[in-house]
PDB file of N, CA and C in Angstrom:
ATOM      1  N   MET A   1     -37.680  76.034 127.678  1.00  0.00           N
ATOM      2  CA  MET A   1     -36.691  74.969 127.694  1.00  0.00           C
ATOM      3  C   MET A   1     -37.283  73.729 128.371  1.00  0.00           C
ATOM      4  N   VAL A   2     -36.984  72.593 127.831  1.00  0.00           N
ATOM      5  CA  VAL A   2     -37.473  71.324 128.354  1.00  0.00           C
ATOM      6  C   VAL A   2     -36.337  70.647 129.117  1.00  0.00           C
ATOM      7  N   ASP A   3     -36.657  70.135 130.300  1.00  0.00           N
ATOM      8  CA  ASP A   3     -35.635  69.486 131.120  1.00  0.00           C
ATOM      9  C   ASP A   3     -35.338  68.074 130.634  1.00  0.00           C
ATOM     10  N   ARG A   4     -34.065  67.767 130.548  1.00  0.00           N
ATOM     11  CA  ARG A   4     -33.603  66.435 130.184  1.00  0.00           C
ATOM     12  C   ARG A   4     -33.728  65.523 131.401  1.00  0.00           C
ATOM     13  N   LEU A   5     -34.167  64.283 131.178  1.00  0.00           N
ATOM     14  CA  LEU A   5     -34.298  63.326 132.270  1.00  0.00           C
ATOM     15  C   LEU A   5     -32.928  62.863 132.758  1.00  0.00           C
ATOM     16  N   THR A   6     -32.849  62.573 134.038  1.00  0.00           N
ATOM     17  CA  THR A   6     -31.631  62.000 134.604  1.00  0.00           C
ATOM     18  C   THR A   6     -31.545  60.522 134.221  1.00  0.00           C
ATOM     19  N   ASP A   7     -30.373  59.948 134.362  1.00  0.00           N
ATOM     20  CA  ASP A   7     -30.202  58.515 134.083  1.00  0.00           C
ATOM     21  C   ASP A   7     -31.111  57.676 134.972  1.00  0.00           C
ATOM     22  N   THR A   8     -31.279  58.093 136.218  1.00  0.00           N
ATOM     23  CA  THR A   8     -32.149  57.372 137.148  1.00  0.00           C
ATOM     24  C   THR A   8     -33.598  57.415 136.679  1.00  0.00           C
ATOM     25  N   ALA A   9     -34.056  58.574 136.235  1.00  0.00           N
ATOM     26  CA  ALA A   9     -35.436  58.711 135.748  1.00  0.00           C
ATOM     27  C   ALA A   9     -35.649  57.898 134.470  1.00  0.00           C
ATOM     28  N   ILE A  10     -34.652  57.863 133.620  1.00  0.00           N
ATOM     29  CA  ILE A  10     -34.746  57.073 132.384  1.00  0.00           C
ATOM     30  C   ILE A  10     -34.854  55.593 132.729  1.00  0.00           C
ATOM     31  N   SER A  11     -34.023  55.122 133.631  1.00  0.00           N
ATOM     32  CA  SER A  11     -34.063  53.713 134.039  1.00  0.00           C
ATOM     33  C   SER A  11     -35.415  53.342 134.628  1.00  0.00           C
ATOM     34  N   ALA A  12     -35.955  54.211 135.468  1.00  0.00           N
ATOM     35  CA  ALA A  12     -37.264  53.955 136.075  1.00  0.00           C
ATOM     36  C   ALA A  12     -38.357  53.901 135.011  1.00  0.00           C
ATOM     37  N   ALA A  13     -38.305  54.808 134.054  1.00  0.00           N
ATOM     38  CA  ALA A  13     -39.310  54.828 132.984  1.00  0.00           C
ATOM     39  C   ALA A  13     -39.220  53.573 132.127  1.00  0.00           C
ATOM     40  N   LEU A  14     -38.014  53.133 131.831  1.00  0.00           N
ATOM     41  CA  LEU A  14     -37.844  51.945 130.988  1.00  0.00           C
ATOM     42  C   LEU A  14     -38.307  50.665 131.676  1.00  0.00           C
ATOM     43  N   GLU A  15     -38.341  50.676 132.993  1.00  0.00           N
ATOM     44  CA  GLU A  15     -38.862  49.511 133.714  1.00  0.00           C
ATOM     45  C   GLU A  15     -40.343  49.301 133.415  1.00  0.00           C
ATOM     46  N   GLU A  16     -41.081  50.390 133.222  1.00  0.00           N
ATOM     47  CA  GLU A  16     -42.504  50.247 132.917  1.00  0.00           C
ATOM     48  C   GLU A  16     -42.776  50.255 131.410  1.00  0.00           C
ATOM     49  N   LEU A  17     -41.823  50.710 130.631  1.00  0.00           N
ATOM     50  CA  LEU A  17     -41.937  50.700 129.169  1.00  0.00           C
ATOM     51  C   LEU A  17     -41.073  49.564 128.635  1.00  0.00           C
ATOM     52  N   ASP A  18     -41.475  48.329 128.958  1.00  0.00           N
ATOM     53  CA  ASP A  18     -40.598  47.188 128.718  1.00  0.00           C
ATOM     54  C   ASP A  18     -40.328  46.875 127.245  1.00  0.00           C
ATOM     55  N   GLN A  19     -41.112  47.420 126.317  1.00  0.00           N
ATOM     56  CA  GLN A  19     -40.872  47.146 124.906  1.00  0.00           C
ATOM     57  C   GLN A  19     -40.017  48.230 124.246  1.00  0.00           C
ATOM     58  N   TRP A  20     -39.603  49.206 125.024  1.00  0.00           N
ATOM     59  CA  TRP A  20     -38.756  50.282 124.524  1.00  0.00           C
ATOM     60  C   TRP A  20     -37.316  50.013 124.925  1.00  0.00           C
ATOM     61  N   GLN A  21     -36.394  50.399 124.055  1.00  0.00           N
ATOM     62  CA  GLN A  21     -34.969  50.225 124.298  1.00  0.00           C
ATOM     63  C   GLN A  21     -34.279  51.583 124.298  1.00  0.00           C
ATOM     64  N   LEU A  22     -33.305  51.732 125.152  1.00  0.00           N
ATOM     65  CA  LEU A  22     -32.496  52.943 125.162  1.00  0.00           C
ATOM     66  C   LEU A  22     -31.510  52.857 123.995  1.00  0.00           C
ATOM     67  N   ARG A  23     -31.474  53.879 123.177  1.00  0.00           N
ATOM     68  CA  ARG A  23     -30.540  53.903 122.061  1.00  0.00           C
ATOM     69  C   ARG A  23     -29.112  53.921 122.601  1.00  0.00           C
ATOM     70  N   GLY A  24     -28.179  53.429 121.856  1.00  0.00           N
ATOM     71  CA  GLY A  24     -26.794  53.294 122.295  1.00  0.00           C
ATOM     72  C   GLY A  24     -26.175  54.542 122.879  1.00  0.00           C
ATOM     73  N   ASP A  25     -26.540  55.707 122.353  1.00  0.00           N
ATOM     74  CA  ASP A  25     -25.963  56.955 122.863  1.00  0.00           C
ATOM     75  C   ASP A  25     -26.694  57.482 124.095  1.00  0.00           C
ATOM     76  N   GLY A  26     -27.780  56.812 124.500  1.00  0.00           N
ATOM     77  CA  GLY A  26     -28.538  57.208 125.688  1.00  0.00           C
ATOM     78  C   GLY A  26     -29.410  58.434 125.520  1.00  0.00           C
ATOM     79  N   LEU A  27     -29.550  58.914 124.282  1.00  0.00           N
ATOM     80  CA  LEU A  27     -30.293  60.153 124.042  1.00  0.00           C
ATOM     81  C   LEU A  27     -31.700  59.935 123.496  1.00  0.00           C
ATOM     82  N   ALA A  28     -32.093  58.681 123.291  1.00  0.00           N
ATOM     83  CA  ALA A  28     -33.406  58.393 122.705  1.00  0.00           C
ATOM     84  C   ALA A  28     -33.844  56.999 123.123  1.00  0.00           C
ATOM     85  N   ILE A  29     -35.148  56.744 122.980  1.00  0.00           N
ATOM     86  CA  ILE A  29     -35.692  55.401 123.156  1.00  0.00           C
ATOM     87  C   ILE A  29     -36.291  54.963 121.831  1.00  0.00           C
ATOM     88  N   THR A  30     -36.267  53.648 121.587  1.00  0.00           N
ATOM     89  CA  THR A  30     -36.760  53.111 120.327  1.00  0.00           C
ATOM     90  C   THR A  30     -37.665  51.909 120.575  1.00  0.00           C
ATOM     91  N   ARG A  31     -38.555  51.701 119.615  1.00  0.00           N
ATOM     92  CA  ARG A  31     -39.424  50.531 119.649  1.00  0.00           C
ATOM     93  C   ARG A  31     -39.784  50.163 118.221  1.00  0.00           C
ATOM     94  N   THR A  32     -39.851  48.871 117.941  1.00  0.00           N
ATOM     95  CA  THR A  32     -40.297  48.381 116.641  1.00  0.00           C
ATOM     96  C   THR A  32     -41.600  47.635 116.836  1.00  0.00           C
ATOM     97  N   LEU A  33     -42.589  47.966 116.018  1.00  0.00           N
ATOM     98  CA  LEU A  33     -43.885  47.300 116.051  1.00  0.00           C
ATOM     99  C   LEU A  33     -44.122  46.626 114.707  1.00  0.00           C
ATOM    100  N   THR A  34     -44.754  45.465 114.741  1.00  0.00           N
ATOM    101  CA  THR A  34     -45.072  44.734 113.522  1.00  0.00           C
ATOM    102  C   THR A  34     -46.577  44.525 113.454  1.00  0.00           C
ATOM    103  N   PHE A  35     -47.144  44.808 112.286  1.00  0.00           N
ATOM    104  CA  PHE A  35     -48.582  44.716 112.064  1.00  0.00           C
ATOM    105  C   PHE A  35     -48.869  43.667 111.003  1.00  0.00           C
ATOM    106  N   GLY A  36     -50.130  43.413 110.753  1.00  0.00           N
ATOM    107  CA  GLY A  36     -50.533  42.399 109.784  1.00  0.00           C
ATOM    108  C   GLY A  36     -50.191  42.756 108.349  1.00  0.00           C
ATOM    109  N   ASP A  37     -50.263  44.041 108.044  1.00  0.00           N
ATOM    110  CA  ASP A  37     -49.965  44.486 106.684  1.00  0.00           C
ATOM    111  C   ASP A  37     -49.695  45.986 106.689  1.00  0.00           C
ATOM    112  N   PHE A  38     -49.452  46.538 105.502  1.00  0.00           N
ATOM    113  CA  PHE A  38     -49.128  47.954 105.390  1.00  0.00           C
ATOM    114  C   PHE A  38     -50.279  48.838 105.867  1.00  0.00           C
ATOM    115  N   ALA A  39     -51.511  48.478 105.538  1.00  0.00           N
ATOM    116  CA  ALA A  39     -52.660  49.305 105.922  1.00  0.00           C
ATOM    117  C   ALA A  39     -52.767  49.420 107.441  1.00  0.00           C
ATOM    118  N   GLU A  40     -52.549  48.337 108.154  1.00  0.00           N
ATOM    119  CA  GLU A  40     -52.591  48.382 109.621  1.00  0.00           C
ATOM    120  C   GLU A  40     -51.477  49.261 110.165  1.00  0.00           C
ATOM    121  N   ALA A  41     -50.280  49.119 109.613  1.00  0.00           N
ATOM    122  CA  ALA A  41     -49.143  49.923 110.064  1.00  0.00           C
ATOM    123  C   ALA A  41     -49.398  51.398 109.802  1.00  0.00           C
ATOM    124  N   PHE A  42     -49.897  51.716 108.626  1.00  0.00           N
ATOM    125  CA  PHE A  42     -50.157  53.106 108.270  1.00  0.00           C
ATOM    126  C   PHE A  42     -51.286  53.689 109.122  1.00  0.00           C
ATOM    127  N   GLY A  43     -52.317  52.899 109.383  1.00  0.00           N
ATOM    128  CA  GLY A  43     -53.401  53.353 110.253  1.00  0.00           C
ATOM    129  C   GLY A  43     -52.901  53.676 111.650  1.00  0.00           C
ATOM    130  N   PHE A  44     -52.028  52.818 112.176  1.00  0.00           N
ATOM    131  CA  PHE A  44     -51.422  53.059 113.490  1.00  0.00           C
ATOM    132  C   PHE A  44     -50.642  54.366 113.470  1.00  0.00           C
ATOM    133  N   MET A  45     -49.842  54.568 112.439  1.00  0.00           N
ATOM    134  CA  MET A  45     -49.050  55.788 112.334  1.00  0.00           C
ATOM    135  C   MET A  45     -49.954  57.021 112.267  1.00  0.00           C
ATOM    136  N   SER A  46     -51.071  56.902 111.602  1.00  0.00           N
ATOM    137  CA  SER A  46     -52.013  58.029 111.516  1.00  0.00           C
ATOM    138  C   SER A  46     -52.584  58.374 112.882  1.00  0.00           C
ATOM    139  N   ARG A  47     -52.936  57.349 113.658  1.00  0.00           N
ATOM    140  CA  ARG A  47     -53.462  57.592 115.012  1.00  0.00           C
ATOM    141  C   ARG A  47     -52.400  58.252 115.895  1.00  0.00           C
ATOM    142  N   ILE A  48     -51.165  57.784 115.802  1.00  0.00           N
ATOM    143  CA  ILE A  48     -50.092  58.358 116.609  1.00  0.00           C
ATOM    144  C   ILE A  48     -49.778  59.779 116.157  1.00  0.00           C
ATOM    145  N   ALA A  49     -49.868  60.034 114.859  1.00  0.00           N
ATOM    146  CA  ALA A  49     -49.609  61.387 114.351  1.00  0.00           C
ATOM    147  C   ALA A  49     -50.582  62.389 114.957  1.00  0.00           C
ATOM    148  N   ILE A  50     -51.829  62.005 115.127  1.00  0.00           N
ATOM    149  CA  ILE A  50     -52.827  62.898 115.728  1.00  0.00           C
ATOM    150  C   ILE A  50     -52.475  63.166 117.195  1.00  0.00           C
ATOM    151  N   LEU A  51     -52.108  62.114 117.931  1.00  0.00           N
ATOM    152  CA  LEU A  51     -51.708  62.285 119.337  1.00  0.00           C
ATOM    153  C   LEU A  51     -50.465  63.155 119.447  1.00  0.00           C
ATOM    154  N   ALA A  52     -49.496  62.909 118.583  1.00  0.00           N
ATOM    155  CA  ALA A  52     -48.246  63.665 118.619  1.00  0.00           C
ATOM    156  C   ALA A  52     -48.484  65.132 118.295  1.00  0.00           C
ATOM    157  N   GLU A  53     -49.344  65.393 117.343  1.00  0.00           N
ATOM    158  CA  GLU A  53     -49.636  66.783 116.966  1.00  0.00           C
ATOM    159  C   GLU A  53     -50.285  67.529 118.128  1.00  0.00           C
ATOM    160  N   LYS A  54     -51.209  66.865 118.818  1.00  0.00           N
ATOM    161  CA  LYS A  54     -51.856  67.494 119.970  1.00  0.00           C
ATOM    162  C   LYS A  54     -50.852  67.800 121.077  1.00  0.00           C
ATOM    163  N   ALA A  55     -49.852  66.935 121.236  1.00  0.00           N
ATOM    164  CA  ALA A  55     -48.843  67.123 122.275  1.00  0.00           C
ATOM    165  C   ALA A  55     -47.688  68.010 121.798  1.00  0.00           C
ATOM    166  N   ASP A  56     -47.697  68.381 120.526  1.00  0.00           N
ATOM    167  CA  ASP A  56     -46.608  69.146 119.914  1.00  0.00           C
ATOM    168  C   ASP A  56     -45.264  68.463 120.166  1.00  0.00           C
ATOM    169  N   HIS A  57     -45.267  67.145 120.001  1.00  0.00           N
ATOM    170  CA  HIS A  57     -44.051  66.348 120.181  1.00  0.00           C
ATOM    171  C   HIS A  57     -44.108  65.202 119.180  1.00  0.00           C
ATOM    172  N   HIS A  58     -43.178  65.164 118.252  1.00  0.00           N
ATOM    173  CA  HIS A  58     -43.304  64.291 117.093  1.00  0.00           C
ATOM    174  C   HIS A  58     -42.212  63.232 117.048  1.00  0.00           C
ATOM    175  N   PRO A  59     -42.610  61.985 116.775  1.00  0.00           N
ATOM    176  CA  PRO A  59     -41.625  60.904 116.723  1.00  0.00           C
ATOM    177  C   PRO A  59     -40.833  60.936 115.416  1.00  0.00           C
ATOM    178  N   GLU A  60     -39.672  60.335 115.485  1.00  0.00           N
ATOM    179  CA  GLU A  60     -38.934  59.984 114.273  1.00  0.00           C
ATOM    180  C   GLU A  60     -39.345  58.546 113.990  1.00  0.00           C
ATOM    181  N   TRP A  61     -39.699  58.241 112.741  1.00  0.00           N
ATOM    182  CA  TRP A  61     -40.090  56.864 112.470  1.00  0.00           C
ATOM    183  C   TRP A  61     -39.795  56.446 111.053  1.00  0.00           C
ATOM    184  N   LEU A  62     -39.772  55.134 110.889  1.00  0.00           N
ATOM    185  CA  LEU A  62     -39.543  54.504 109.601  1.00  0.00           C
ATOM    186  C   LEU A  62     -40.606  53.437 109.431  1.00  0.00           C
ATOM    187  N   ASN A  63     -41.225  53.412 108.276  1.00  0.00           N
ATOM    188  CA  ASN A  63     -42.238  52.405 107.977  1.00  0.00           C
ATOM    189  C   ASN A  63     -41.805  51.631 106.745  1.00  0.00           C
ATOM    190  N   VAL A  64     -41.676  50.321 106.901  1.00  0.00           N
ATOM    191  CA  VAL A  64     -41.417  49.431 105.781  1.00  0.00           C
ATOM    192  C   VAL A  64     -42.466  48.334 105.846  1.00  0.00           C
ATOM    193  N   TYR A  65     -43.371  48.353 104.881  1.00  0.00           N
ATOM    194  CA  TYR A  65     -44.502  47.440 104.774  1.00  0.00           C
ATOM    195  C   TYR A  65     -45.267  47.359 106.096  1.00  0.00           C
ATOM    196  N   ASN A  66     -45.095  46.283 106.861  1.00  0.00           N
ATOM    197  CA  ASN A  66     -45.892  46.098 108.080  1.00  0.00           C
ATOM    198  C   ASN A  66     -45.127  46.445 109.348  1.00  0.00           C
ATOM    199  N   ARG A  67     -43.943  47.024 109.215  1.00  0.00           N
ATOM    200  CA  ARG A  67     -43.093  47.321 110.367  1.00  0.00           C
ATOM    201  C   ARG A  67     -42.958  48.835 110.545  1.00  0.00           C
ATOM    202  N   VAL A  68     -43.070  49.277 111.797  1.00  0.00           N
ATOM    203  CA  VAL A  68     -42.884  50.685 112.134  1.00  0.00           C
ATOM    204  C   VAL A  68     -41.812  50.762 113.217  1.00  0.00           C
ATOM    205  N   GLU A  69     -40.727  51.473 112.920  1.00  0.00           N
ATOM    206  CA  GLU A  69     -39.654  51.691 113.881  1.00  0.00           C
ATOM    207  C   GLU A  69     -39.782  53.128 114.383  1.00  0.00           C
ATOM    208  N   ILE A  70     -39.897  53.290 115.694  1.00  0.00           N
ATOM    209  CA  ILE A  70     -40.126  54.603 116.298  1.00  0.00           C
ATOM    210  C   ILE A  70     -38.945  54.986 117.178  1.00  0.00           C
ATOM    211  N   THR A  71     -38.514  56.228 117.057  1.00  0.00           N
ATOM    212  CA  THR A  71     -37.479  56.794 117.927  1.00  0.00           C
ATOM    213  C   THR A  71     -38.045  58.051 118.564  1.00  0.00           C
ATOM    214  N   LEU A  72     -37.910  58.137 119.879  1.00  0.00           N
ATOM    215  CA  LEU A  72     -38.360  59.316 120.615  1.00  0.00           C
ATOM    216  C   LEU A  72     -37.173  59.981 121.296  1.00  0.00           C
ATOM    217  N   THR A  73     -37.056  61.273 121.098  1.00  0.00           N
ATOM    218  CA  THR A  73     -36.051  62.099 121.754  1.00  0.00           C
ATOM    219  C   THR A  73     -36.576  63.526 121.756  1.00  0.00           C
ATOM    220  N   THR A  74     -36.068  64.346 122.638  1.00  0.00           N
ATOM    221  CA  THR A  74     -36.472  65.750 122.699  1.00  0.00           C
ATOM    222  C   THR A  74     -35.278  66.602 122.313  1.00  0.00           C
ATOM    223  N   HIS A  75     -35.334  67.150 121.120  1.00  0.00           N
ATOM    224  CA  HIS A  75     -34.207  67.929 120.617  1.00  0.00           C
ATOM    225  C   HIS A  75     -33.937  69.159 121.484  1.00  0.00           C
ATOM    226  N   ASP A  76     -34.988  69.769 122.023  1.00  0.00           N
ATOM    227  CA  ASP A  76     -34.818  70.939 122.893  1.00  0.00           C
ATOM    228  C   ASP A  76     -34.064  70.610 124.180  1.00  0.00           C
ATOM    229  N   ALA A  77     -34.102  69.335 124.583  1.00  0.00           N
ATOM    230  CA  ALA A  77     -33.422  68.911 125.813  1.00  0.00           C
ATOM    231  C   ALA A  77     -32.107  68.191 125.503  1.00  0.00           C
ATOM    232  N   ASP A  78     -31.804  68.034 124.239  1.00  0.00           N
ATOM    233  CA  ASP A  78     -30.611  67.269 123.836  1.00  0.00           C
ATOM    234  C   ASP A  78     -30.605  65.883 124.457  1.00  0.00           C
ATOM    235  N   GLY A  79     -31.762  65.245 124.478  1.00  0.00           N
ATOM    236  CA  GLY A  79     -31.887  63.901 125.038  1.00  0.00           C
ATOM    237  C   GLY A  79     -33.331  63.608 125.375  1.00  0.00           C
ATOM    238  N   LEU A  80     -33.526  62.706 126.303  1.00  0.00           N
ATOM    239  CA  LEU A  80     -34.869  62.288 126.685  1.00  0.00           C
ATOM    240  C   LEU A  80     -35.495  63.248 127.693  1.00  0.00           C
ATOM    241  N   SER A  81     -36.800  63.464 127.515  1.00  0.00           N
ATOM    242  CA  SER A  81     -37.556  64.288 128.453  1.00  0.00           C
ATOM    243  C   SER A  81     -38.845  63.555 128.816  1.00  0.00           C
ATOM    244  N   GLN A  82     -39.591  64.161 129.719  1.00  0.00           N
ATOM    245  CA  GLN A  82     -40.871  63.582 130.112  1.00  0.00           C
ATOM    246  C   GLN A  82     -41.828  63.512 128.915  1.00  0.00           C
ATOM    247  N   ARG A  83     -41.657  64.383 127.942  1.00  0.00           N
ATOM    248  CA  ARG A  83     -42.492  64.339 126.729  1.00  0.00           C
ATOM    249  C   ARG A  83     -42.339  63.000 126.006  1.00  0.00           C
ATOM    250  N   ASP A  84     -41.111  62.494 125.955  1.00  0.00           N
ATOM    251  CA  ASP A  84     -40.870  61.218 125.280  1.00  0.00           C
ATOM    252  C   ASP A  84     -41.545  60.073 126.021  1.00  0.00           C
ATOM    253  N   ILE A  85     -41.450  60.096 127.322  1.00  0.00           N
ATOM    254  CA  ILE A  85     -42.060  59.035 128.128  1.00  0.00           C
ATOM    255  C   ILE A  85     -43.576  59.077 127.985  1.00  0.00           C
ATOM    256  N   ALA A  86     -44.151  60.261 128.008  1.00  0.00           N
ATOM    257  CA  ALA A  86     -45.609  60.393 127.864  1.00  0.00           C
ATOM    258  C   ALA A  86     -46.068  59.889 126.497  1.00  0.00           C
ATOM    259  N   LEU A  87     -45.343  60.251 125.439  1.00  0.00           N
ATOM    260  CA  LEU A  87     -45.733  59.791 124.106  1.00  0.00           C
ATOM    261  C   LEU A  87     -45.525  58.285 123.966  1.00  0.00           C
ATOM    262  N   ALA A  88     -44.482  57.749 124.567  1.00  0.00           N
ATOM    263  CA  ALA A  88     -44.253  56.291 124.538  1.00  0.00           C
ATOM    264  C   ALA A  88     -45.418  55.561 125.204  1.00  0.00           C
ATOM    265  N   ARG A  89     -45.915  56.092 126.299  1.00  0.00           N
ATOM    266  CA  ARG A  89     -47.074  55.478 126.961  1.00  0.00           C
ATOM    267  C   ARG A  89     -48.308  55.508 126.054  1.00  0.00           C
ATOM    268  N   GLN A  90     -48.508  56.617 125.355  1.00  0.00           N
ATOM    269  CA  GLN A  90     -49.641  56.710 124.441  1.00  0.00           C
ATOM    270  C   GLN A  90     -49.480  55.729 123.275  1.00  0.00           C
ATOM    271  N   ILE A  91     -48.272  55.589 122.788  1.00  0.00           N
ATOM    272  CA  ILE A  91     -48.012  54.644 121.709  1.00  0.00           C
ATOM    273  C   ILE A  91     -48.288  53.229 122.176  1.00  0.00           C
ATOM    274  N   ASP A  92     -47.834  52.894 123.375  1.00  0.00           N
ATOM    275  CA  ASP A  92     -48.098  51.571 123.930  1.00  0.00           C
ATOM    276  C   ASP A  92     -49.593  51.301 124.056  1.00  0.00           C
ATOM    277  N   ALA A  93     -50.331  52.285 124.519  1.00  0.00           N
ATOM    278  CA  ALA A  93     -51.782  52.129 124.674  1.00  0.00           C
ATOM    279  C   ALA A  93     -52.460  51.941 123.314  1.00  0.00           C
ATOM    280  N   ALA A  94     -51.986  52.621 122.298  1.00  0.00           N
ATOM    281  CA  ALA A  94     -52.574  52.513 120.953  1.00  0.00           C
ATOM    282  C   ALA A  94     -52.201  51.200 120.274  1.00  0.00           C
ATOM    283  N   ALA A  95     -51.047  50.657 120.649  1.00  0.00           N
ATOM    284  CA  ALA A  95     -50.585  49.404 120.023  1.00  0.00           C
ATOM    285  C   ALA A  95     -51.398  48.230 120.532  1.00  0.00           C
TER     286      ALA A  95
END
């Protein structure tokens, strides 16, 4: 079982993940990235897919041309966990 983050821990994490937003229901964080074209967006998604697979934690995402919308949540925790924060940091570093 994965522990769900407290509201305080979520707030602290979002202070350092300034490009991420808490979803309205408080159960996920989201970020939208824009690239030069589809190939750049798809390449980014491929790099993140490899990181996510290694961590056994996979994002929900939508890709439309040069835009990638990412949602992170931990279904096992019914909300946000440290796994989401760790993957968000990796995504930020790759972006």
